[in-house]
Amino acid sequence: MPAKWLLSAARIAFFDVAGPLVTYSVLRSAGEGAVTSLVVSGAFPALGVIAGIVARRRADVIGILVLAGIALGAVLGVVSHSARLVLVEGSVPVAAFGLVFLGSLLARRPLMFRFALEFMGPDSPKGREFEGLWQYGGFRRAFRNLTAVWGLAYLMEAVARIVIVQHASVGVAVTITKVMPLAVTAALAAWTVAYSLYQKRKGARLAAASQRSEVPGTAAS
């Protein structure tokens, strides 16, 4: 599994960050306009999404949203000749992700729980054990909290992208909007691990306290 994570991280670093930034810089240095440079550099994230779809042999909602956002930004940029409109497209899939996370709170099981179960494998022994924990109120509350935080963070990122694009130079905005998703995701992942460990320790303490109370004479000692 670590090898799979490293491969995924390398793919993201190349297609979503290094490729677009280097291409944009090279084209601008060669005298190309900002809109053309942005549209061409946007091919890298699109290729990354397509490569992922081919590898998994199926399309997913996230990939489709990203491709739609890239296409929308390219069309708006070409028609309006505005580099800022090309950059704003990145806010579309990010905001959509946030809304999907928050919307899943209304479903029977929130998105973060579904992601965790899919990662473990729903048909594996560990996955079945994990799914069985849904009966506990504290477990359900923890995953709803996780989902809410991820959803709100994505919405905040979308707003931040728009503000940056509107107030920073195009070159600065390109760099920030390419690096920002990695920074936000890394921060959310670190918080998720810390929160999960906290909830695990809390659950262990409650279980130990419950066992002690069931032993005659222990609670009174």
C-alpha atoms as a PDB file:
ATOM      1  CA  MET A   1       0.000   0.000   0.000  1.00  0.00           C
ATOM      2  CA  PRO A   2       2.772   2.585   0.697  1.00  0.00           C
ATOM      3  CA  ALA A   3       4.071   1.999  -2.852  1.00  0.00           C
ATOM      4  CA  LYS A   4       0.589   2.769  -4.186  1.00  0.00           C
ATOM      5  CA  TRP A   5       0.477   5.986  -2.156  1.00  0.00           C
ATOM      6  CA  LEU A   6       3.903   7.046  -3.438  1.00  0.00           C
ATOM      7  CA  LEU A   7       2.863   6.365  -7.030  1.00  0.00           C
ATOM      8  CA  SER A   8      -0.324   8.387  -6.556  1.00  0.00           C
ATOM      9  CA  ALA A   9       1.607  11.263  -4.936  1.00  0.00           C
ATOM     10  CA  ALA A  10       4.140  11.262  -7.789  1.00  0.00           C
ATOM     11  CA  ARG A  11       1.342  11.335 -10.360  1.00  0.00           C
ATOM     12  CA  ILE A  12      -0.353  14.265  -8.635  1.00  0.00           C
ATOM     13  CA  ALA A  13       2.937  16.161  -8.270  1.00  0.00           C
ATOM     14  CA  PHE A  14       3.688  15.753 -11.978  1.00  0.00           C
ATOM     15  CA  PHE A  15       0.268  16.200 -13.606  1.00  0.00           C
ATOM     16  CA  ASP A  16      -1.288  18.716 -11.203  1.00  0.00           C
ATOM     17  CA  VAL A  17       1.666  20.834 -10.056  1.00  0.00           C
ATOM     18  CA  ALA A  18       5.036  20.483 -11.829  1.00  0.00           C
ATOM     19  CA  GLY A  19       3.728  19.888 -15.350  1.00  0.00           C
ATOM     20  CA  PRO A  20       1.321  22.839 -15.457  1.00  0.00           C
ATOM     21  CA  LEU A  21       3.711  25.274 -13.732  1.00  0.00           C
ATOM     22  CA  VAL A  22       6.694  24.396 -15.932  1.00  0.00           C
ATOM     23  CA  THR A  23       4.598  24.490 -19.112  1.00  0.00           C
ATOM     24  CA  TYR A  24       3.073  27.846 -18.209  1.00  0.00           C
ATOM     25  CA  SER A  25       6.500  29.315 -17.391  1.00  0.00           C
ATOM     26  CA  VAL A  26       8.094  28.010 -20.593  1.00  0.00           C
ATOM     27  CA  LEU A  27       5.273  29.270 -22.813  1.00  0.00           C
ATOM     28  CA  ARG A  28       5.240  32.695 -21.167  1.00  0.00           C
ATOM     29  CA  SER A  29       9.001  32.938 -21.560  1.00  0.00           C
ATOM     30  CA  ALA A  30       8.571  32.085 -25.238  1.00  0.00           C
ATOM     31  CA  GLY A  31       6.203  35.024 -25.658  1.00  0.00           C
ATOM     32  CA  GLU A  32       2.852  33.223 -25.576  1.00  0.00           C
ATOM     33  CA  GLY A  33      -0.124  35.012 -24.015  1.00  0.00           C
ATOM     34  CA  ALA A  34      -1.381  34.202 -20.531  1.00  0.00           C
ATOM     35  CA  VAL A  35      -4.626  32.627 -21.762  1.00  0.00           C
ATOM     36  CA  THR A  36      -2.917  30.326 -24.267  1.00  0.00           C
ATOM     37  CA  SER A  37      -0.288  29.326 -21.708  1.00  0.00           C
ATOM     38  CA  LEU A  38      -2.952  28.504 -19.117  1.00  0.00           C
ATOM     39  CA  VAL A  39      -5.106  26.520 -21.540  1.00  0.00           C
ATOM     40  CA  VAL A  40      -2.146  24.451 -22.762  1.00  0.00           C
ATOM     41  CA  SER A  41      -0.816  23.861 -19.242  1.00  0.00           C
ATOM     42  CA  GLY A  42      -4.306  22.716 -18.246  1.00  0.00           C
ATOM     43  CA  ALA A  43      -3.810  19.679 -20.442  1.00  0.00           C
ATOM     44  CA  PHE A  44      -1.615  18.097 -17.760  1.00  0.00           C
ATOM     45  CA  PRO A  45      -4.322  17.799 -15.064  1.00  0.00           C
ATOM     46  CA  ALA A  46      -6.734  16.552 -17.734  1.00  0.00           C
ATOM     47  CA  LEU A  47      -4.249  13.866 -18.804  1.00  0.00           C
ATOM     48  CA  GLY A  48      -3.768  12.908 -15.155  1.00  0.00           C
ATOM     49  CA  VAL A  49      -7.503  12.399 -14.697  1.00  0.00           C
ATOM     50  CA  ILE A  50      -7.765  10.399 -17.927  1.00  0.00           C
ATOM     51  CA  ALA A  51      -4.803   8.228 -16.888  1.00  0.00           C
ATOM     52  CA  GLY A  52      -6.546   7.512 -13.587  1.00  0.00           C
ATOM     53  CA  ILE A  53      -9.771   6.558 -15.353  1.00  0.00           C
ATOM     54  CA  VAL A  54      -7.872   4.219 -17.679  1.00  0.00           C
ATOM     55  CA  ALA A  55      -5.992   2.628 -14.767  1.00  0.00           C
ATOM     56  CA  ARG A  56      -9.201   2.042 -12.776  1.00  0.00           C
ATOM     57  CA  ARG A  57     -11.168   1.164 -15.924  1.00  0.00           C
ATOM     58  CA  ARG A  58     -14.054   3.308 -14.743  1.00  0.00           C
ATOM     59  CA  ALA A  59     -14.923   6.979 -14.469  1.00  0.00           C
ATOM     60  CA  ASP A  60     -15.779   8.570 -11.137  1.00  0.00           C
ATOM     61  CA  VAL A  61     -17.684  11.697 -10.199  1.00  0.00           C
ATOM     62  CA  ILE A  62     -14.570  13.534  -9.017  1.00  0.00           C
ATOM     63  CA  GLY A  63     -12.693  12.903 -12.255  1.00  0.00           C
ATOM     64  CA  ILE A  64     -15.655  13.999 -14.357  1.00  0.00           C
ATOM     65  CA  LEU A  65     -16.006  17.204 -12.324  1.00  0.00           C
ATOM     66  CA  VAL A  66     -12.310  18.006 -12.745  1.00  0.00           C
ATOM     67  CA  LEU A  67     -12.461  17.437 -16.510  1.00  0.00           C
ATOM     68  CA  ALA A  68     -15.615  19.552 -16.744  1.00  0.00           C
ATOM     69  CA  GLY A  69     -13.951  22.350 -14.789  1.00  0.00           C
ATOM     70  CA  ILE A  70     -10.856  22.302 -17.019  1.00  0.00           C
ATOM     71  CA  ALA A  71     -13.000  22.333 -20.173  1.00  0.00           C
ATOM     72  CA  LEU A  72     -15.170  25.151 -18.819  1.00  0.00           C
ATOM     73  CA  GLY A  73     -12.137  27.257 -17.916  1.00  0.00           C
ATOM     74  CA  ALA A  74     -10.551  26.723 -21.324  1.00  0.00           C
ATOM     75  CA  VAL A  75     -13.728  27.707 -23.181  1.00  0.00           C
ATOM     76  CA  LEU A  76     -14.295  30.779 -21.004  1.00  0.00           C
ATOM     77  CA  GLY A  77     -10.667  31.837 -21.418  1.00  0.00           C
ATOM     78  CA  VAL A  78     -10.667  31.462 -25.207  1.00  0.00           C
ATOM     79  CA  VAL A  79     -14.006  33.246 -25.636  1.00  0.00           C
ATOM     80  CA  SER A  80     -13.340  36.076 -23.176  1.00  0.00           C
ATOM     81  CA  HIS A  81      -9.545  36.272 -23.551  1.00  0.00           C
ATOM     82  CA  SER A  82      -9.420  36.492 -19.748  1.00  0.00           C
ATOM     83  CA  ALA A  83      -6.704  34.547 -17.929  1.00  0.00           C
ATOM     84  CA  ARG A  84      -8.525  35.047 -14.635  1.00  0.00           C
ATOM     85  CA  LEU A  85     -11.594  33.198 -15.898  1.00  0.00           C
ATOM     86  CA  VAL A  86      -9.375  30.263 -16.830  1.00  0.00           C
ATOM     87  CA  LEU A  87      -7.985  30.207 -13.297  1.00  0.00           C
ATOM     88  CA  VAL A  88     -11.392  30.518 -11.637  1.00  0.00           C
ATOM     89  CA  GLU A  89     -12.420  27.156 -13.148  1.00  0.00           C
ATOM     90  CA  GLY A  90     -10.418  25.423 -10.443  1.00  0.00           C
ATOM     91  CA  SER A  91     -12.947  26.627  -7.893  1.00  0.00           C
ATOM     92  CA  VAL A  92     -15.807  24.797  -9.631  1.00  0.00           C
ATOM     93  CA  PRO A  93     -14.826  21.172  -8.847  1.00  0.00           C
ATOM     94  CA  VAL A  94     -13.469  22.162  -5.412  1.00  0.00           C
ATOM     95  CA  ALA A  95     -16.770  23.795  -4.428  1.00  0.00           C
ATOM     96  CA  ALA A  96     -18.626  20.799  -5.863  1.00  0.00           C
ATOM     97  CA  PHE A  97     -16.540  18.446  -3.696  1.00  0.00           C
ATOM     98  CA  GLY A  98     -17.400  20.497  -0.623  1.00  0.00           C
ATOM     99  CA  LEU A  99     -21.100  20.426  -1.400  1.00  0.00           C
ATOM    100  CA  VAL A 100     -21.008  16.667  -2.051  1.00  0.00           C
ATOM    101  CA  PHE A 101     -19.328  16.072   1.323  1.00  0.00           C
ATOM    102  CA  LEU A 102     -21.831  18.250   3.177  1.00  0.00           C
ATOM    103  CA  GLY A 103     -24.756  16.811   1.237  1.00  0.00           C
ATOM    104  CA  SER A 104     -23.732  13.283   2.236  1.00  0.00           C
ATOM    105  CA  LEU A 105     -24.448  14.225   5.859  1.00  0.00           C
ATOM    106  CA  LEU A 106     -28.116  13.920   4.949  1.00  0.00           C
ATOM    107  CA  ALA A 107     -27.581  10.384   3.677  1.00  0.00           C
ATOM    108  CA  ARG A 108     -27.637   7.252   5.819  1.00  0.00           C
ATOM    109  CA  ARG A 109     -23.847   7.164   5.936  1.00  0.00           C
ATOM    110  CA  PRO A 110     -21.545  10.137   5.255  1.00  0.00           C
ATOM    111  CA  LEU A 111     -18.917  10.215   2.538  1.00  0.00           C
ATOM    112  CA  MET A 112     -15.860   9.863   4.778  1.00  0.00           C
ATOM    113  CA  PHE A 113     -17.231   6.593   6.158  1.00  0.00           C
ATOM    114  CA  ARG A 114     -17.823   5.321   2.630  1.00  0.00           C
ATOM    115  CA  PHE A 115     -14.289   6.286   1.606  1.00  0.00           C
ATOM    116  CA  ALA A 116     -12.799   4.514   4.638  1.00  0.00           C
ATOM    117  CA  LEU A 117     -14.890   1.387   4.019  1.00  0.00           C
ATOM    118  CA  GLU A 118     -13.954   1.344   0.333  1.00  0.00           C
ATOM    119  CA  PHE A 119     -10.277   1.708   1.251  1.00  0.00           C
ATOM    120  CA  MET A 120     -10.424  -1.281   3.631  1.00  0.00           C
ATOM    121  CA  GLY A 121     -12.538  -3.365   1.282  1.00  0.00           C
ATOM    122  CA  PRO A 122     -16.192  -3.890   2.258  1.00  0.00           C
ATOM    123  CA  ASP A 123     -15.912  -7.656   1.751  1.00  0.00           C
ATOM    124  CA  SER A 124     -12.703  -8.060   3.751  1.00  0.00           C
ATOM    125  CA  PRO A 125     -12.748  -9.165   7.431  1.00  0.00           C
ATOM    126  CA  LYS A 126     -11.388  -5.774   8.471  1.00  0.00           C
ATOM    127  CA  GLY A 127     -13.999  -4.013   6.358  1.00  0.00           C
ATOM    128  CA  ARG A 128     -16.867  -6.030   7.839  1.00  0.00           C
ATOM    129  CA  GLU A 129     -15.579  -5.343  11.348  1.00  0.00           C
ATOM    130  CA  PHE A 130     -15.292  -1.652  10.522  1.00  0.00           C
ATOM    131  CA  GLU A 131     -18.821  -1.545   9.111  1.00  0.00           C
ATOM    132  CA  GLY A 132     -20.130  -3.181  12.272  1.00  0.00           C
ATOM    133  CA  LEU A 133     -18.873  -0.253  14.337  1.00  0.00           C
ATOM    134  CA  TRP A 134     -21.525   1.954  12.740  1.00  0.00           C
ATOM    135  CA  GLN A 135     -23.970   0.764  15.409  1.00  0.00           C
ATOM    136  CA  TYR A 136     -22.195   2.934  18.018  1.00  0.00           C
ATOM    137  CA  GLY A 137     -23.302   6.537  18.369  1.00  0.00           C
ATOM    138  CA  GLY A 138     -19.810   7.896  19.038  1.00  0.00           C
ATOM    139  CA  PHE A 139     -18.465   6.208  15.909  1.00  0.00           C
ATOM    140  CA  ARG A 140     -21.244   7.670  13.750  1.00  0.00           C
ATOM    141  CA  ARG A 141     -20.730  11.123  15.244  1.00  0.00           C
ATOM    142  CA  ALA A 142     -16.967  11.006  14.586  1.00  0.00           C
ATOM    143  CA  PHE A 143     -17.418  10.248  10.881  1.00  0.00           C
ATOM    144  CA  ARG A 144     -20.078  12.902  10.500  1.00  0.00           C
ATOM    145  CA  ASN A 145     -17.667  15.400  12.075  1.00  0.00           C
ATOM    146  CA  LEU A 146     -14.905  14.302   9.697  1.00  0.00           C
ATOM    147  CA  THR A 147     -17.182  14.682   6.692  1.00  0.00           C
ATOM    148  CA  ALA A 148     -18.372  18.117   7.800  1.00  0.00           C
ATOM    149  CA  VAL A 149     -14.835  19.416   8.289  1.00  0.00           C
ATOM    150  CA  TRP A 150     -13.670  18.170   4.873  1.00  0.00           C
ATOM    151  CA  GLY A 151     -16.723  19.683   3.187  1.00  0.00           C
ATOM    152  CA  LEU A 152     -16.309  23.078   4.852  1.00  0.00           C
ATOM    153  CA  ALA A 153     -12.569  23.095   4.119  1.00  0.00           C
ATOM    154  CA  TYR A 154     -13.184  22.514   0.408  1.00  0.00           C
ATOM    155  CA  LEU A 155     -15.740  25.323   0.275  1.00  0.00           C
ATOM    156  CA  MET A 156     -13.274  27.655   2.018  1.00  0.00           C
ATOM    157  CA  GLU A 157     -10.575  26.644  -0.477  1.00  0.00           C
ATOM    158  CA  ALA A 158     -12.899  27.446  -3.394  1.00  0.00           C
ATOM    159  CA  VAL A 159     -13.591  30.914  -1.975  1.00  0.00           C
ATOM    160  CA  ALA A 160      -9.874  31.497  -1.309  1.00  0.00           C
ATOM    161  CA  ARG A 161      -9.057  30.557  -4.908  1.00  0.00           C
ATOM    162  CA  ILE A 162     -11.498  33.141  -6.253  1.00  0.00           C
ATOM    163  CA  VAL A 163     -10.141  35.868  -3.966  1.00  0.00           C
ATOM    164  CA  ILE A 164      -6.542  35.082  -4.949  1.00  0.00           C
ATOM    165  CA  VAL A 165      -7.330  35.023  -8.668  1.00  0.00           C
ATOM    166  CA  GLN A 166      -9.090  38.372  -8.440  1.00  0.00           C
ATOM    167  CA  HIS A 167      -6.434  40.194  -6.418  1.00  0.00           C
ATOM    168  CA  ALA A 168      -3.064  38.596  -7.280  1.00  0.00           C
ATOM    169  CA  SER A 169      -1.134  38.755 -10.527  1.00  0.00           C
ATOM    170  CA  VAL A 170      -1.786  35.908 -12.965  1.00  0.00           C
ATOM    171  CA  GLY A 171       1.669  34.400 -12.420  1.00  0.00           C
ATOM    172  CA  VAL A 172       1.308  34.402  -8.627  1.00  0.00           C
ATOM    173  CA  ALA A 173      -2.270  33.106  -8.835  1.00  0.00           C
ATOM    174  CA  VAL A 174      -1.186  30.202 -11.051  1.00  0.00           C
ATOM    175  CA  THR A 175       1.459  29.094  -8.551  1.00  0.00           C
ATOM    176  CA  ILE A 176      -0.771  29.446  -5.484  1.00  0.00           C
ATOM    177  CA  THR A 177      -3.804  27.718  -7.010  1.00  0.00           C
ATOM    178  CA  LYS A 178      -1.664  24.768  -8.139  1.00  0.00           C
ATOM    179  CA  VAL A 179       0.017  24.297  -4.753  1.00  0.00           C
ATOM    180  CA  MET A 180      -3.014  25.105  -2.584  1.00  0.00           C
ATOM    181  CA  PRO A 181      -4.906  21.815  -3.162  1.00  0.00           C
ATOM    182  CA  LEU A 182      -1.906  19.792  -1.985  1.00  0.00           C
ATOM    183  CA  ALA A 183      -1.484  21.970   1.104  1.00  0.00           C
ATOM    184  CA  VAL A 184      -5.183  21.811   1.985  1.00  0.00           C
ATOM    185  CA  THR A 185      -5.392  18.049   1.455  1.00  0.00           C
ATOM    186  CA  ALA A 186      -2.200  17.456   3.481  1.00  0.00           C
ATOM    187  CA  ALA A 187      -3.553  19.578   6.344  1.00  0.00           C
ATOM    188  CA  LEU A 188      -6.906  17.767   6.258  1.00  0.00           C
ATOM    189  CA  ALA A 189      -5.197  14.356   6.165  1.00  0.00           C
ATOM    190  CA  ALA A 190      -2.999  15.251   9.145  1.00  0.00           C
ATOM    191  CA  TRP A 191      -6.001  16.531  11.092  1.00  0.00           C
ATOM    192  CA  THR A 192      -7.995  13.405  10.183  1.00  0.00           C
ATOM    193  CA  VAL A 193      -5.245  11.122  11.508  1.00  0.00           C
ATOM    194  CA  ALA A 194      -4.952  13.138  14.731  1.00  0.00           C
ATOM    195  CA  TYR A 195      -8.732  13.248  15.216  1.00  0.00           C
ATOM    196  CA  SER A 196      -9.065   9.520  14.515  1.00  0.00           C
ATOM    197  CA  LEU A 197      -6.360   8.687  17.065  1.00  0.00           C
ATOM    198  CA  TYR A 198      -8.079  10.926  19.618  1.00  0.00           C
ATOM    199  CA  GLN A 199     -11.413   9.198  19.039  1.00  0.00           C
ATOM    200  CA  LYS A 200      -9.752   5.782  19.240  1.00  0.00           C
ATOM    201  CA  ARG A 201      -8.132   6.623  22.594  1.00  0.00           C
ATOM    202  CA  LYS A 202     -11.406   8.086  23.831  1.00  0.00           C
ATOM    203  CA  GLY A 203     -13.268   4.924  22.849  1.00  0.00           C
ATOM    204  CA  ALA A 204     -10.660   2.758  24.593  1.00  0.00           C
ATOM    205  CA  ARG A 205     -11.011   4.801  27.802  1.00  0.00           C
ATOM    206  CA  LEU A 206     -14.803   4.529  27.730  1.00  0.00           C
ATOM    207  CA  ALA A 207     -14.620   0.784  27.098  1.00  0.00           C
ATOM    208  CA  ALA A 208     -12.179   0.322  29.983  1.00  0.00           C
ATOM    209  CA  ALA A 209     -14.382   2.389  32.295  1.00  0.00           C
ATOM    210  CA  SER A 210     -17.417   0.343  31.290  1.00  0.00           C
ATOM    211  CA  GLN A 211     -15.606  -2.929  32.012  1.00  0.00           C
ATOM    212  CA  ARG A 212     -14.468  -1.691  35.429  1.00  0.00           C
ATOM    213  CA  SER A 213     -18.006  -0.688  36.362  1.00  0.00           C
ATOM    214  CA  GLU A 214     -19.240  -4.191  35.506  1.00  0.00           C
ATOM    215  CA  VAL A 215     -16.774  -5.824  37.924  1.00  0.00           C
ATOM    216  CA  PRO A 216     -18.358  -6.108  41.412  1.00  0.00           C
ATOM    217  CA  GLY A 217     -16.660  -3.830  43.926  1.00  0.00           C
ATOM    218  CA  THR A 218     -14.465  -2.087  41.338  1.00  0.00           C
ATOM    219  CA  ALA A 219     -16.578   1.041  40.945  1.00  0.00           C
ATOM    220  CA  ALA A 220     -16.721   1.577  44.692  1.00  0.00           C
ATOM    221  CA  SER A 221     -12.969   1.100  45.242  1.00  0.00           C
END
